[in-house]
Amino acid sequence: MAKFVTIGYGDQAGYERTEASVRDAAHAHDDRLRRDGVEMGRAGRPVQVRNHDAAGVTTQDGPFLSSALPLAGFAVIEAATLAEAVEIVSRTPCAVAHGVVEVWPLEE
């Protein structure tokens, strides 16, 4: 099985305009994934870390990247193929509630 990092983006407005039954099904899907051992959680406040030329660590609060929607959360999933990973995340809250989920294959 391959591993994939998923990054979910979404906002409260999109979440609230999604039918409650659709949201509930998406949360139930996430609950099943957690029971199956998927590591997932909401995004906290990031810190940028630099150590250029291994000459000393500097940090800066806040994200390096920006996006049209706020960063909502992360997961690491296992799937046989990218298509299977896409199918898994297509039923998560960010995907169904007017957000977006990126799927990043972890390459060795």
N, C-alpha and C. Protein backbone atom coordinates (compact mmCIF):
# COMPACT_ATOMS: atom_id res chain seq x y z
N MET A 1 0.84 -1.19 0.00
CA MET A 1 0.00 0.00 0.00
C MET A 1 0.88 1.25 0.00
N ALA A 2 0.48 2.21 -0.78
CA ALA A 2 1.17 3.49 -0.82
C ALA A 2 0.57 4.42 0.24
N LYS A 3 1.37 5.41 0.66
CA LYS A 3 0.87 6.41 1.60
C LYS A 3 0.66 7.73 0.88
N PHE A 4 -0.35 8.45 1.34
CA PHE A 4 -0.71 9.74 0.77
C PHE A 4 -0.97 10.73 1.90
N VAL A 5 -0.47 11.94 1.75
CA VAL A 5 -0.80 13.02 2.67
C VAL A 5 -1.96 13.78 2.05
N THR A 6 -2.98 14.02 2.83
CA THR A 6 -4.12 14.79 2.33
C THR A 6 -4.18 16.11 3.10
N ILE A 7 -4.49 17.16 2.37
CA ILE A 7 -4.59 18.49 2.96
C ILE A 7 -5.96 19.04 2.59
N GLY A 8 -6.77 19.31 3.60
CA GLY A 8 -8.12 19.80 3.37
C GLY A 8 -8.23 21.29 3.60
N TYR A 9 -8.95 21.95 2.72
CA TYR A 9 -9.20 23.39 2.82
C TYR A 9 -10.70 23.61 2.82
N GLY A 10 -11.17 24.51 3.65
CA GLY A 10 -12.59 24.83 3.66
C GLY A 10 -12.88 25.93 4.65
N ASP A 11 -14.04 26.53 4.50
CA ASP A 11 -14.42 27.58 5.43
C ASP A 11 -15.80 27.30 6.02
N GLN A 12 -16.10 28.03 7.07
CA GLN A 12 -17.35 27.83 7.79
C GLN A 12 -18.56 28.10 6.89
N ALA A 13 -18.46 29.09 6.02
CA ALA A 13 -19.59 29.43 5.15
C ALA A 13 -19.94 28.26 4.23
N GLY A 14 -18.94 27.64 3.64
CA GLY A 14 -19.18 26.47 2.79
C GLY A 14 -19.75 25.32 3.57
N TYR A 15 -19.23 25.13 4.77
CA TYR A 15 -19.71 24.06 5.63
C TYR A 15 -21.18 24.27 5.97
N GLU A 16 -21.53 25.48 6.33
CA GLU A 16 -22.91 25.77 6.74
C GLU A 16 -23.91 25.69 5.60
N ARG A 17 -23.48 25.93 4.37
CA ARG A 17 -24.44 25.85 3.26
C ARG A 17 -24.58 24.43 2.71
N THR A 18 -23.86 23.50 3.30
CA THR A 18 -23.98 22.09 2.93
C THR A 18 -25.07 21.44 3.77
N GLU A 19 -25.92 20.67 3.13
CA GLU A 19 -27.02 20.00 3.83
C GLU A 19 -26.49 19.19 5.01
N ALA A 20 -27.18 19.27 6.14
CA ALA A 20 -26.75 18.62 7.37
C ALA A 20 -26.53 17.12 7.18
N SER A 21 -27.40 16.46 6.42
CA SER A 21 -27.25 15.01 6.23
C SER A 21 -25.97 14.68 5.45
N VAL A 22 -25.57 15.54 4.54
CA VAL A 22 -24.33 15.35 3.78
C VAL A 22 -23.14 15.54 4.72
N ARG A 23 -23.19 16.57 5.55
CA ARG A 23 -22.11 16.80 6.53
C ARG A 23 -22.01 15.64 7.50
N ASP A 24 -23.16 15.17 8.00
CA ASP A 24 -23.16 14.06 8.95
C ASP A 24 -22.55 12.81 8.35
N ALA A 25 -22.89 12.53 7.09
CA ALA A 25 -22.31 11.36 6.41
C ALA A 25 -20.80 11.51 6.26
N ALA A 26 -20.34 12.73 5.97
CA ALA A 26 -18.91 12.98 5.82
C ALA A 26 -18.18 12.80 7.16
N HIS A 27 -18.78 13.27 8.24
CA HIS A 27 -18.16 13.09 9.57
C HIS A 27 -18.14 11.61 9.95
N ALA A 28 -19.20 10.89 9.61
CA ALA A 28 -19.22 9.45 9.88
C ALA A 28 -18.13 8.74 9.09
N HIS A 29 -17.90 9.18 7.86
CA HIS A 29 -16.83 8.63 7.03
C HIS A 29 -15.47 8.86 7.70
N ASP A 30 -15.24 10.09 8.19
CA ASP A 30 -13.99 10.38 8.90
C ASP A 30 -13.86 9.54 10.16
N ASP A 31 -14.95 9.34 10.88
CA ASP A 31 -14.91 8.49 12.08
C ASP A 31 -14.48 7.07 11.73
N ARG A 32 -15.00 6.53 10.61
CA ARG A 32 -14.59 5.18 10.17
C ARG A 32 -13.11 5.16 9.83
N LEU A 33 -12.63 6.20 9.14
CA LEU A 33 -11.21 6.26 8.80
C LEU A 33 -10.36 6.27 10.07
N ARG A 34 -10.75 7.04 11.07
CA ARG A 34 -10.00 7.08 12.34
C ARG A 34 -9.99 5.72 13.00
N ARG A 35 -11.14 5.05 13.03
CA ARG A 35 -11.20 3.70 13.62
C ARG A 35 -10.29 2.73 12.88
N ASP A 36 -10.11 2.97 11.58
CA ASP A 36 -9.23 2.11 10.77
C ASP A 36 -7.76 2.50 10.89
N GLY A 37 -7.47 3.49 11.75
CA GLY A 37 -6.09 3.85 12.02
C GLY A 37 -5.52 5.02 11.25
N VAL A 38 -6.37 5.75 10.50
CA VAL A 38 -5.88 6.90 9.76
C VAL A 38 -5.54 8.02 10.75
N GLU A 39 -4.35 8.58 10.60
CA GLU A 39 -3.93 9.74 11.39
C GLU A 39 -4.53 10.98 10.74
N MET A 40 -5.34 11.72 11.48
CA MET A 40 -5.92 12.94 10.92
C MET A 40 -6.19 13.93 12.03
N GLY A 41 -6.24 15.18 11.64
CA GLY A 41 -6.55 16.21 12.62
C GLY A 41 -6.70 17.56 11.95
N ARG A 42 -7.20 18.50 12.73
CA ARG A 42 -7.36 19.87 12.25
C ARG A 42 -6.01 20.58 12.28
N ALA A 43 -5.89 21.54 11.41
CA ALA A 43 -4.64 22.30 11.33
C ALA A 43 -4.58 23.34 12.43
N GLY A 44 -3.47 23.35 13.14
CA GLY A 44 -3.20 24.41 14.11
C GLY A 44 -2.41 25.53 13.45
N ARG A 45 -1.87 26.40 14.23
CA ARG A 45 -1.09 27.54 13.73
C ARG A 45 0.32 27.06 13.38
N PRO A 46 0.78 27.27 12.14
CA PRO A 46 2.09 26.77 11.74
C PRO A 46 3.24 27.68 12.14
N VAL A 47 4.43 27.10 12.12
CA VAL A 47 5.69 27.82 12.30
C VAL A 47 6.60 27.43 11.15
N GLN A 48 7.16 28.42 10.48
CA GLN A 48 8.14 28.17 9.42
C GLN A 48 9.51 27.97 10.07
N VAL A 49 10.26 26.99 9.58
CA VAL A 49 11.58 26.69 10.12
C VAL A 49 12.60 26.75 9.00
N ARG A 50 13.66 27.46 9.24
CA ARG A 50 14.77 27.54 8.29
C ARG A 50 16.07 27.25 9.02
N ASN A 51 16.99 26.60 8.32
CA ASN A 51 18.33 26.33 8.84
C ASN A 51 19.27 26.33 7.64
N HIS A 52 19.34 27.44 6.92
CA HIS A 52 20.11 27.54 5.68
C HIS A 52 21.58 27.24 5.93
N ASP A 53 22.09 26.35 5.12
CA ASP A 53 23.49 25.92 5.21
C ASP A 53 23.83 25.37 6.59
N ALA A 54 22.83 24.91 7.32
CA ALA A 54 23.01 24.38 8.68
C ALA A 54 23.75 25.38 9.57
N ALA A 55 23.46 26.68 9.35
CA ALA A 55 24.18 27.73 10.06
C ALA A 55 23.41 28.29 11.25
N GLY A 56 22.21 27.80 11.48
CA GLY A 56 21.43 28.30 12.59
C GLY A 56 19.95 28.30 12.25
N VAL A 57 19.17 27.93 13.23
CA VAL A 57 17.73 27.81 13.04
C VAL A 57 17.06 29.16 13.24
N THR A 58 16.20 29.52 12.29
CA THR A 58 15.33 30.69 12.45
C THR A 58 13.90 30.22 12.26
N THR A 59 13.00 30.87 12.95
CA THR A 59 11.59 30.52 12.83
C THR A 59 10.78 31.79 12.58
N GLN A 60 9.62 31.58 11.99
CA GLN A 60 8.68 32.67 11.75
C GLN A 60 7.28 32.11 11.91
N ASP A 61 6.48 32.77 12.70
CA ASP A 61 5.09 32.32 12.89
C ASP A 61 4.29 32.54 11.62
N GLY A 62 3.36 31.62 11.37
CA GLY A 62 2.46 31.76 10.25
C GLY A 62 2.82 30.85 9.09
N PRO A 63 1.89 30.72 8.15
CA PRO A 63 2.10 29.83 7.02
C PRO A 63 3.03 30.42 5.97
N PHE A 64 3.69 29.56 5.24
CA PHE A 64 4.51 29.97 4.10
C PHE A 64 3.61 30.10 2.87
N LEU A 65 2.71 29.11 2.68
CA LEU A 65 1.79 29.12 1.54
C LEU A 65 0.50 29.83 1.89
N SER A 66 -0.18 30.33 0.88
CA SER A 66 -1.50 30.90 1.09
C SER A 66 -2.47 30.25 0.11
N SER A 67 -3.74 30.32 0.45
CA SER A 67 -4.75 29.72 -0.41
C SER A 67 -6.04 30.52 -0.32
N ALA A 68 -6.92 30.31 -1.30
CA ALA A 68 -8.20 31.01 -1.32
C ALA A 68 -9.09 30.59 -0.15
N LEU A 69 -8.94 29.35 0.30
CA LEU A 69 -9.71 28.84 1.44
C LEU A 69 -8.74 28.57 2.59
N PRO A 70 -9.21 28.70 3.84
CA PRO A 70 -8.34 28.39 4.97
C PRO A 70 -7.98 26.91 5.02
N LEU A 71 -6.78 26.65 5.50
CA LEU A 71 -6.34 25.28 5.72
C LEU A 71 -7.15 24.70 6.86
N ALA A 72 -7.74 23.54 6.65
CA ALA A 72 -8.62 22.95 7.65
C ALA A 72 -8.00 21.76 8.36
N GLY A 73 -7.29 20.88 7.65
CA GLY A 73 -6.74 19.71 8.32
C GLY A 73 -5.90 18.84 7.42
N PHE A 74 -5.33 17.83 8.06
CA PHE A 74 -4.41 16.91 7.40
C PHE A 74 -4.78 15.48 7.74
N ALA A 75 -4.37 14.56 6.87
CA ALA A 75 -4.45 13.13 7.18
C ALA A 75 -3.35 12.43 6.40
N VAL A 76 -2.96 11.28 6.90
CA VAL A 76 -2.07 10.37 6.18
C VAL A 76 -2.87 9.10 5.97
N ILE A 77 -3.12 8.77 4.71
CA ILE A 77 -3.92 7.58 4.40
C ILE A 77 -3.09 6.59 3.60
N GLU A 78 -3.53 5.35 3.61
CA GLU A 78 -2.93 4.33 2.77
C GLU A 78 -3.96 3.90 1.74
N ALA A 79 -3.49 3.69 0.51
CA ALA A 79 -4.36 3.25 -0.57
C ALA A 79 -3.49 2.53 -1.60
N ALA A 80 -4.10 1.66 -2.36
CA ALA A 80 -3.36 0.91 -3.37
C ALA A 80 -2.94 1.81 -4.54
N THR A 81 -3.77 2.80 -4.85
CA THR A 81 -3.50 3.66 -6.00
C THR A 81 -3.93 5.09 -5.67
N LEU A 82 -3.50 6.02 -6.50
CA LEU A 82 -3.95 7.40 -6.36
C LEU A 82 -5.46 7.49 -6.53
N ALA A 83 -6.00 6.73 -7.46
CA ALA A 83 -7.45 6.75 -7.68
C ALA A 83 -8.20 6.31 -6.42
N GLU A 84 -7.69 5.30 -5.74
CA GLU A 84 -8.33 4.85 -4.50
C GLU A 84 -8.22 5.93 -3.42
N ALA A 85 -7.07 6.60 -3.34
CA ALA A 85 -6.91 7.68 -2.37
C ALA A 85 -7.91 8.80 -2.64
N VAL A 86 -8.08 9.13 -3.91
CA VAL A 86 -9.05 10.17 -4.29
C VAL A 86 -10.46 9.74 -3.87
N GLU A 87 -10.81 8.50 -4.10
CA GLU A 87 -12.13 8.01 -3.71
C GLU A 87 -12.32 8.13 -2.20
N ILE A 88 -11.30 7.78 -1.43
CA ILE A 88 -11.39 7.86 0.03
C ILE A 88 -11.66 9.29 0.47
N VAL A 89 -10.89 10.25 -0.04
CA VAL A 89 -11.04 11.63 0.44
C VAL A 89 -12.24 12.34 -0.17
N SER A 90 -12.81 11.80 -1.21
CA SER A 90 -13.94 12.47 -1.86
C SER A 90 -15.18 12.51 -0.98
N ARG A 91 -15.19 11.74 0.09
CA ARG A 91 -16.35 11.70 0.99
C ARG A 91 -16.09 12.37 2.33
N THR A 92 -14.98 13.11 2.45
CA THR A 92 -14.63 13.79 3.70
C THR A 92 -15.32 15.15 3.78
N PRO A 93 -15.40 15.75 4.98
CA PRO A 93 -16.10 17.02 5.12
C PRO A 93 -15.59 18.13 4.19
N CYS A 94 -14.29 18.30 4.06
CA CYS A 94 -13.80 19.38 3.19
C CYS A 94 -14.23 19.17 1.74
N ALA A 95 -14.20 17.94 1.28
CA ALA A 95 -14.55 17.67 -0.12
C ALA A 95 -16.03 17.91 -0.39
N VAL A 96 -16.90 17.56 0.56
CA VAL A 96 -18.34 17.68 0.30
C VAL A 96 -18.91 19.02 0.69
N ALA A 97 -18.20 19.79 1.54
CA ALA A 97 -18.75 21.04 2.07
C ALA A 97 -18.13 22.26 1.38
N HIS A 98 -18.04 22.19 0.04
CA HIS A 98 -17.60 23.33 -0.77
C HIS A 98 -16.15 23.72 -0.53
N GLY A 99 -15.35 22.76 -0.08
CA GLY A 99 -13.91 22.98 0.08
C GLY A 99 -13.17 22.17 -0.97
N VAL A 100 -11.93 21.86 -0.66
CA VAL A 100 -11.11 21.06 -1.57
C VAL A 100 -10.13 20.26 -0.73
N VAL A 101 -9.75 19.08 -1.25
CA VAL A 101 -8.74 18.26 -0.59
C VAL A 101 -7.64 17.96 -1.61
N GLU A 102 -6.41 18.25 -1.23
CA GLU A 102 -5.27 17.86 -2.05
C GLU A 102 -4.80 16.49 -1.59
N VAL A 103 -4.38 15.66 -2.56
CA VAL A 103 -3.83 14.34 -2.24
C VAL A 103 -2.40 14.33 -2.76
N TRP A 104 -1.45 14.17 -1.86
CA TRP A 104 -0.03 14.17 -2.20
C TRP A 104 0.55 12.78 -1.97
N PRO A 105 0.96 12.07 -3.03
CA PRO A 105 1.63 10.79 -2.84
C PRO A 105 2.96 10.99 -2.10
N LEU A 106 3.22 10.14 -1.12
CA LEU A 106 4.51 10.16 -0.43
C LEU A 106 5.45 9.24 -1.20
N GLU A 107 6.48 9.81 -1.76
CA GLU A 107 7.44 9.03 -2.54
C GLU A 107 8.65 8.73 -1.69
N GLU A 108 9.20 7.55 -1.87
CA GLU A 108 10.39 7.17 -1.10
C GLU A 108 11.64 7.58 -1.83
